[in-house]
Protein backbone atom coordinates (compact mmCIF):
# COMPACT_ATOMS: atom_id res chain seq x y z
CA MET A 1 -13.11 174.12 100.66
CA SER A 2 -10.95 176.84 102.65
CA LYS A 3 -7.82 178.63 101.34
CA LYS A 4 -4.39 177.27 102.87
CA TYR A 5 -2.61 180.49 102.00
CA GLN A 6 -3.79 184.42 102.52
CA THR A 7 -2.48 186.64 99.59
CA ALA A 8 -0.16 186.31 96.54
CA LEU A 9 0.63 189.35 94.05
CA VAL A 10 1.30 188.84 91.02
CA VAL A 11 3.12 191.94 88.82
CA GLY A 12 1.80 192.29 85.39
CA ALA A 13 -1.31 190.69 83.93
CA GLY A 14 -0.14 189.68 80.51
CA ALA A 15 -1.62 185.85 79.60
CA PHE A 16 0.87 183.85 81.67
CA GLY A 17 0.56 186.19 84.55
CA THR A 18 -3.07 185.83 84.49
CA SER A 19 -2.75 181.76 84.13
CA LEU A 20 -0.67 181.89 87.23
CA ALA A 21 -3.08 183.98 89.11
CA SER A 22 -5.68 181.33 88.34
CA ILE A 23 -3.88 178.67 89.52
CA LEU A 24 -3.16 180.47 92.87
CA ALA A 25 -6.92 181.00 93.22
CA ASN A 26 -7.18 177.49 94.07
CA LYS A 27 -4.75 177.66 97.17
CA PHE A 28 -5.22 181.59 98.19
CA GLU A 29 -7.78 183.45 99.79
CA ASN A 30 -6.53 186.76 97.69
CA VAL A 31 -4.72 186.43 94.68
CA ILE A 32 -3.88 190.33 94.08
CA LEU A 33 -2.95 191.36 90.18
CA LYS A 34 -0.93 194.46 89.88
CA VAL A 35 -1.61 196.19 86.37
CA ARG A 36 -1.00 199.16 84.54
CA SER A 37 -3.72 199.81 82.56
CA GLU A 38 -6.96 200.91 83.76
CA ASP A 39 -9.29 199.13 81.21
CA VAL A 40 -6.96 195.43 82.28
CA CYS A 41 -8.11 196.55 85.74
CA SER A 42 -11.58 197.28 85.07
CA ALA A 43 -12.14 194.12 82.84
CA ILE A 44 -10.84 191.97 85.66
CA ASN A 45 -12.69 193.54 88.35
CA ILE A 46 -15.74 194.18 86.64
CA GLN A 47 -16.39 192.09 83.72
CA ARG A 48 -14.05 188.85 85.54
CA GLU A 49 -12.02 188.43 82.97
CA ASN A 50 -8.75 189.70 81.40
CA SER A 51 -10.37 190.82 78.07
CA VAL A 52 -6.80 192.30 76.23
CA TYR A 53 -5.11 189.05 76.73
CA LEU A 54 -7.29 186.03 77.02
CA PRO A 55 -10.71 187.13 76.35
CA GLY A 56 -13.99 185.07 76.95
CA ILE A 57 -12.20 183.04 79.60
CA GLN A 58 -13.69 183.63 83.63
CA LEU A 59 -11.92 184.31 86.26
CA ALA A 60 -12.31 183.30 90.17
CA SER A 61 -13.87 185.34 92.36
CA ASN A 62 -10.80 185.78 94.77
CA ILE A 63 -8.63 187.41 91.96
CA LYS A 64 -8.39 190.92 91.83
CA ALA A 65 -6.82 193.76 89.92
CA ILE A 66 -5.13 196.87 91.56
CA ILE A 67 -3.35 199.94 89.77
CA ASP A 68 -2.06 201.50 92.87
CA TRP A 69 -0.24 200.28 95.91
CA GLU A 70 -2.04 202.19 98.27
CA GLU A 71 -5.14 199.63 98.06
CA PHE A 72 -2.80 196.97 98.72
CA ASP A 73 -0.99 198.16 101.54
CA GLU A 74 -3.98 198.68 102.93
CA LYS A 75 -5.57 195.66 102.71
CA TYR A 76 -3.15 192.96 101.62
CA GLU A 77 0.11 193.09 102.83
CA SER A 78 0.68 192.17 106.16
CA SER A 79 -0.74 188.97 104.74
CA LEU A 80 1.62 188.57 101.58
CA ALA A 81 2.98 184.98 101.37
CA LEU A 82 4.11 184.58 97.53
CA ILE A 83 5.21 187.21 94.77
CA VAL A 84 4.96 186.04 91.39
CA SER A 85 6.71 188.26 88.56
CA GLY A 86 5.41 188.16 85.45
CA LEU A 87 7.34 191.07 83.67
CA PRO A 88 9.06 190.38 80.56
CA THR A 89 12.72 190.39 80.48
CA VAL A 90 12.94 194.19 79.37
CA GLY A 91 10.62 195.41 82.39
CA ILE A 92 12.40 193.95 85.18
CA ALA A 93 15.15 196.29 86.19
CA PRO A 94 12.76 199.35 85.55
CA PHE A 95 10.33 198.14 87.76
CA PHE A 96 12.36 196.75 90.46
CA GLU A 97 14.57 200.05 90.42
CA GLU A 98 11.40 201.83 90.81
CA ASN A 99 10.24 199.64 93.57
CA TYR A 100 13.47 198.52 94.79
CA ASP A 101 12.34 199.21 98.54
CA ARG A 102 9.27 197.46 98.18
CA PHE A 103 10.55 194.26 97.67
CA LEU A 104 13.32 194.43 100.06
CA LYS A 105 11.18 194.33 102.37
CA TYR A 106 9.36 191.36 101.38
CA PHE A 107 12.26 189.32 100.55
CA ASN A 108 13.79 190.70 104.50
CA ARG A 109 10.23 188.65 105.45
CA GLU A 110 11.18 185.96 103.91
CA ILE A 111 8.48 186.08 101.33
CA PRO A 112 9.40 183.79 97.91
CA MET A 113 9.20 185.17 94.52
CA ILE A 114 8.55 183.57 90.85
CA SER A 115 9.43 185.15 87.70
CA LEU A 116 8.06 184.11 84.59
CA SER A 117 10.27 185.77 82.67
CA LYS A 118 11.53 183.66 78.99
CA GLY A 119 14.32 186.33 77.80
CA ILE A 120 17.66 187.80 77.39
CA ASP A 121 18.48 191.17 78.14
CA PRO A 122 20.00 192.62 74.51
CA LYS A 123 21.84 195.59 76.09
CA THR A 124 23.23 193.54 78.84
CA LEU A 125 23.39 190.00 77.75
CA GLU A 126 21.80 188.76 81.28
CA LEU A 127 18.98 186.41 82.15
CA SER A 128 16.31 187.30 84.14
CA ASP A 129 18.27 185.69 87.10
CA ASP A 130 20.98 188.46 86.88
CA LEU A 131 18.95 190.61 86.62
CA LEU A 132 17.23 190.13 89.96
CA PHE A 133 20.08 189.27 91.26
CA ASP A 134 21.61 192.73 90.84
CA PHE A 135 18.99 194.09 92.94
CA TYR A 136 18.76 191.68 95.70
CA PRO A 137 22.09 189.56 96.13
CA GLN A 138 21.84 188.66 99.53
CA HIS A 139 18.36 187.45 98.87
CA LYS A 140 18.82 184.65 96.29
CA GLU A 141 17.46 181.99 97.95
CA PHE A 142 14.19 183.51 97.70
CA ILE A 143 13.76 184.22 94.06
CA THR A 144 12.50 180.97 92.00
CA PHE A 145 12.11 180.64 88.07
CA LEU A 146 9.43 179.44 86.19
CA SER A 147 9.33 177.24 82.61
CA GLY A 148 8.11 174.89 80.85
CA PRO A 149 5.57 173.74 77.81
CA SER A 150 2.38 176.01 78.97
CA PHE A 151 0.24 177.86 77.27
CA ALA A 152 -1.86 180.42 79.26
CA LYS A 153 -5.32 179.50 77.61
CA GLU A 154 -4.83 175.96 78.30
CA ILE A 155 -3.67 176.53 81.65
CA MET A 156 -6.95 178.62 82.28
CA GLU A 157 -8.96 175.85 80.74
CA GLU A 158 -7.39 173.57 83.40
CA GLN A 159 -5.48 171.35 80.82
CA ILE A 160 -2.91 169.01 82.68
CA THR A 161 0.68 171.19 82.68
CA LEU A 162 3.56 170.16 83.70
CA VAL A 163 6.86 172.97 84.36
CA THR A 164 9.73 173.38 86.25
CA ILE A 165 10.78 175.91 89.03
CA ALA A 166 14.57 176.73 89.35
CA GLY A 167 16.04 177.87 92.35
CA ARG A 168 18.79 177.60 95.13
CA SER A 169 17.13 176.92 98.25
CA ARG A 170 15.63 173.28 98.26
CA LYS A 171 13.32 174.71 101.23
CA VAL A 172 11.98 177.30 99.10
CA LEU A 173 11.60 175.19 95.99
CA ALA A 174 9.42 172.81 97.78
CA GLN A 175 7.39 175.50 99.59
CA VAL A 176 6.87 177.27 96.07
CA SER A 177 6.06 174.36 94.11
CA LEU A 178 3.42 173.15 97.00
CA MET A 179 1.91 176.36 96.59
CA LEU A 180 1.33 176.19 92.87
CA ASP A 181 0.34 172.44 93.01
CA THR A 182 -3.30 171.56 91.83
CA ASP A 183 -5.08 168.62 90.20
CA TYR A 184 -4.18 170.01 86.61
CA PHE A 185 -0.87 172.08 87.23
CA LYS A 186 2.59 170.66 88.69
CA ALA A 187 6.11 172.60 88.97
CA LEU A 188 9.02 170.12 89.08
CA PRO A 189 11.93 171.74 91.47
CA ASN A 190 15.16 171.95 89.57
CA TYR A 191 18.62 173.17 90.78
CA ASP A 192 19.99 174.66 87.60
CA VAL A 193 18.60 178.00 87.33
CA LYS A 194 20.94 179.07 84.22
CA GLY A 195 19.69 175.90 82.20
CA VAL A 196 15.81 176.67 82.79
CA LEU A 197 16.26 180.25 82.27
CA LEU A 198 18.26 179.61 78.71
CA GLY A 199 15.58 176.61 77.37
CA GLY A 200 12.76 178.55 78.19
CA ALA A 201 14.51 182.07 76.34
CA LEU A 202 16.32 180.27 73.58
CA LYS A 203 13.01 178.07 72.86
CA ASN A 204 11.31 181.54 71.79
CA VAL A 205 13.83 182.31 68.94
CA LEU A 206 13.60 178.74 67.53
CA ALA A 207 9.58 179.26 67.46
CA ILE A 208 10.12 182.37 65.28
CA ALA A 209 12.09 180.30 63.03
CA GLY A 210 9.72 177.13 63.08
CA GLY A 211 6.78 179.95 62.11
CA ILE A 212 8.86 181.17 59.00
CA ILE A 213 9.49 177.93 57.90
CA GLU A 214 5.81 177.02 58.19
CA GLY A 215 4.90 180.06 56.65
CA LEU A 216 7.15 179.53 53.71
CA GLY A 217 5.43 175.85 53.18
CA TYR A 218 7.84 173.32 54.53
CA ASN A 219 6.49 170.75 56.60
CA HIS A 220 7.05 168.15 59.09
CA ASN A 221 10.21 166.86 57.66
CA THR A 222 12.07 170.37 58.11
CA ARG A 223 10.34 170.97 61.47
CA ALA A 224 11.82 167.88 62.88
CA ALA A 225 15.11 168.81 61.56
CA MET A 226 14.86 172.60 62.95
CA ILE A 227 13.91 171.32 66.12
CA THR A 228 16.96 168.57 66.40
CA ARG A 229 19.44 170.91 65.48
CA GLY A 230 17.68 173.70 67.43
CA ILE A 231 18.23 171.62 70.67
CA VAL A 232 22.13 170.84 69.75
CA GLU A 233 22.55 174.85 69.27
CA MET A 234 20.96 175.70 72.44
CA LEU A 235 23.72 173.38 74.41
CA ARG A 236 26.32 174.98 72.92
CA PHE A 237 24.50 177.95 74.42
CA GLY A 238 24.44 175.90 77.82
CA LYS A 239 28.57 175.22 77.68
CA VAL A 240 28.92 179.17 77.99
CA PHE A 241 27.01 179.44 81.27
CA ASN A 242 27.99 176.31 82.74
CA ALA A 243 24.31 175.20 82.59
CA ARG A 244 23.30 171.20 83.03
CA PRO A 245 23.40 169.49 79.55
CA GLU A 246 20.53 167.11 80.79
CA THR A 247 18.08 170.29 81.48
CA PHE A 248 17.98 170.87 77.71
CA TYR A 249 16.33 167.74 77.54
CA GLY A 250 13.71 168.39 80.15
CA LEU A 251 10.69 170.23 80.18
CA SER A 252 12.21 173.87 80.15
CA GLY A 253 13.90 172.65 77.31
CA MET A 254 12.95 170.23 74.48
CA GLY A 255 9.15 170.49 76.14
CA ASP A 256 8.84 174.09 75.74
CA LEU A 257 10.57 173.58 72.32
CA ILE A 258 8.49 170.98 70.59
CA LEU A 259 5.39 172.97 72.56
CA THR A 260 6.24 176.46 70.80
CA THR A 261 7.32 175.38 67.70
CA THR A 262 3.90 172.89 66.71
CA GLY A 263 1.43 174.48 68.86
CA GLY A 264 -0.98 177.17 67.27
CA LEU A 265 -1.33 179.61 70.48
CA SER A 266 2.57 180.47 70.71
CA ARG A 267 3.03 183.97 70.30
CA ASN A 268 6.74 183.65 68.89
CA LYS A 269 5.67 181.29 66.03
CA GLN A 270 2.65 183.53 65.03
CA PHE A 271 5.27 186.03 64.88
CA GLY A 272 7.45 184.18 62.38
CA LEU A 273 4.14 183.21 60.28
CA GLU A 274 3.83 186.70 59.89
CA ILE A 275 7.09 187.07 59.18
CA ALA A 276 7.26 184.61 56.17
CA SER A 277 4.15 186.60 55.11
CA GLY A 278 5.89 189.75 54.42
CA ARG A 279 5.36 191.81 57.15
CA SER A 280 8.21 193.70 59.21
CA PRO A 281 9.49 192.77 62.90
CA LEU A 282 8.84 196.25 64.01
CA GLU A 283 5.34 196.55 62.07
CA ILE A 284 3.72 193.34 63.59
CA ILE A 285 5.32 194.21 67.13
CA ASN A 286 3.77 197.71 67.19
CA SER A 287 0.18 196.67 65.85
CA GLN A 288 -0.22 194.28 69.55
CA ARG A 289 -0.02 194.71 73.29
CA THR A 290 1.42 191.21 73.20
CA VAL A 291 5.15 190.99 73.91
CA VAL A 292 7.37 188.71 71.78
CA GLU A 293 10.25 188.05 73.78
CA GLY A 294 11.85 185.70 70.83
CA TYR A 295 12.66 188.85 69.21
CA LYS A 296 14.54 190.68 71.63
CA THR A 297 16.31 187.45 72.60
CA THR A 298 17.39 186.77 68.95
CA MET A 299 19.57 189.95 69.24
CA ALA A 300 21.12 188.46 72.67
CA ALA A 301 21.64 185.20 70.97
CA HIS A 302 23.60 186.24 68.13
CA LEU A 303 25.67 189.06 70.59
CA ILE A 304 26.51 186.01 73.03
CA SER A 305 27.62 183.48 69.74
CA GLU A 306 29.75 186.40 68.68
CA LYS A 307 31.10 187.20 72.26
CA TYR A 308 31.85 183.16 72.44
CA GLU A 309 32.47 182.21 69.02
CA ILE A 310 29.16 179.36 69.45
CA ARG A 311 28.60 177.87 66.46
CA ALA A 312 24.59 178.89 66.20
CA ARG A 313 23.68 179.04 62.36
CA ILE A 314 19.92 178.61 63.08
CA PHE A 315 20.25 181.23 65.87
CA ASN A 316 22.04 183.71 63.60
CA GLY A 317 20.41 183.09 60.62
CA LEU A 318 16.90 184.04 61.98
CA TYR A 319 19.09 187.32 63.58
CA GLU A 320 19.85 188.18 59.91
CA VAL A 321 16.23 187.63 59.22
CA LEU A 322 14.91 189.82 61.97
CA TYR A 323 17.40 192.72 62.09
CA ASN A 324 19.36 192.68 58.44
CA ASP A 325 16.04 192.29 56.28
CA LEU A 326 17.83 189.20 54.68
CA ASP A 327 15.06 187.09 52.67
CA PRO A 328 14.18 183.85 54.93
CA LYS A 329 14.25 181.78 51.70
CA ASP A 330 17.38 182.76 51.35
CA VAL A 331 18.63 181.87 55.04
CA VAL A 332 17.06 178.57 54.01
CA SER A 333 19.05 177.73 51.42
CA MET A 334 22.22 178.99 53.19
CA LEU A 335 21.75 176.83 55.99
CA MET A 336 21.11 173.82 53.24
CA LYS A 337 24.60 174.94 51.39
CA SER A 338 26.58 174.63 54.73
CA PRO A 339 29.13 171.26 54.68
CA ALA A 340 27.75 168.73 56.26
CA LYS A 341 29.79 168.13 59.76
CA PHE A 342 29.37 164.97 61.68
CA GLU A 343 26.05 164.89 64.00
CA ILE A 344 27.60 165.00 67.22
CA GLU A 345 30.18 167.38 66.99
């Protein structure tokens, strides 16, 4: 079957970036993964798999990895139709500062971009829309943001997956949604950029908390309580950012939260399980190449809660565990000893 579009560029070949490349391979003649590491590049181009982040899963023949821009400029730039940024939140500013002119040129050609970042910058307390819009304030309508319940491995296995795609332009959202649409993957458009990004970022923090709870031996009752009260705290953050409450009950909020706190493939939940076993956060992070977005987002959420006086006991309790070495059992005990308040307040 002939492809509908010519070239898609995916910056970053982590697990989720690679899974999006796999989706786009259904619609695009060429999907180019811009990578940093020689081992990842050669594995994709020779072994036809991302052996570092998604080992054992074969990639489509029209997916190609590159390290330098020269080959892309020579062979693919003129046919570029879509950009995907698979960068972690902390990687957005340095990458686009270095490559500002290149992507300004693409936006001037009205090429849309999808950002996959799910975090909050702990230094600036900005979400990924703020970070990207700071670079390209005249091209906000071409930048969209994808979030929702979606493990990369299950996408690669073509499990049916629904996510949210948020942005400012109805035309661009419709265009990008169509580019992503397959028999097993669908992106539903949404205008609430802040709500979608907050849901995607804050659920990572709660996923770490869920892993700790499970690692301490607590079971379904405790997890259900944490998820439910966690959503309440997420809504309080949403008010500060003028997000729509209903967004937090959708795919990018409740949907993603349920997946990452219950599913075994969640990096953030696994991080929490290891914290509960007695390992230190930095020990875990330094021992792996995958990014645990929830770790730095915990710091950001704590600072935001202090700045805007948000009542966020779960988020701040996790901050004490990760950054002040408080025993997780003591945090659970403190939460249970806090005065009972009316549920809807």
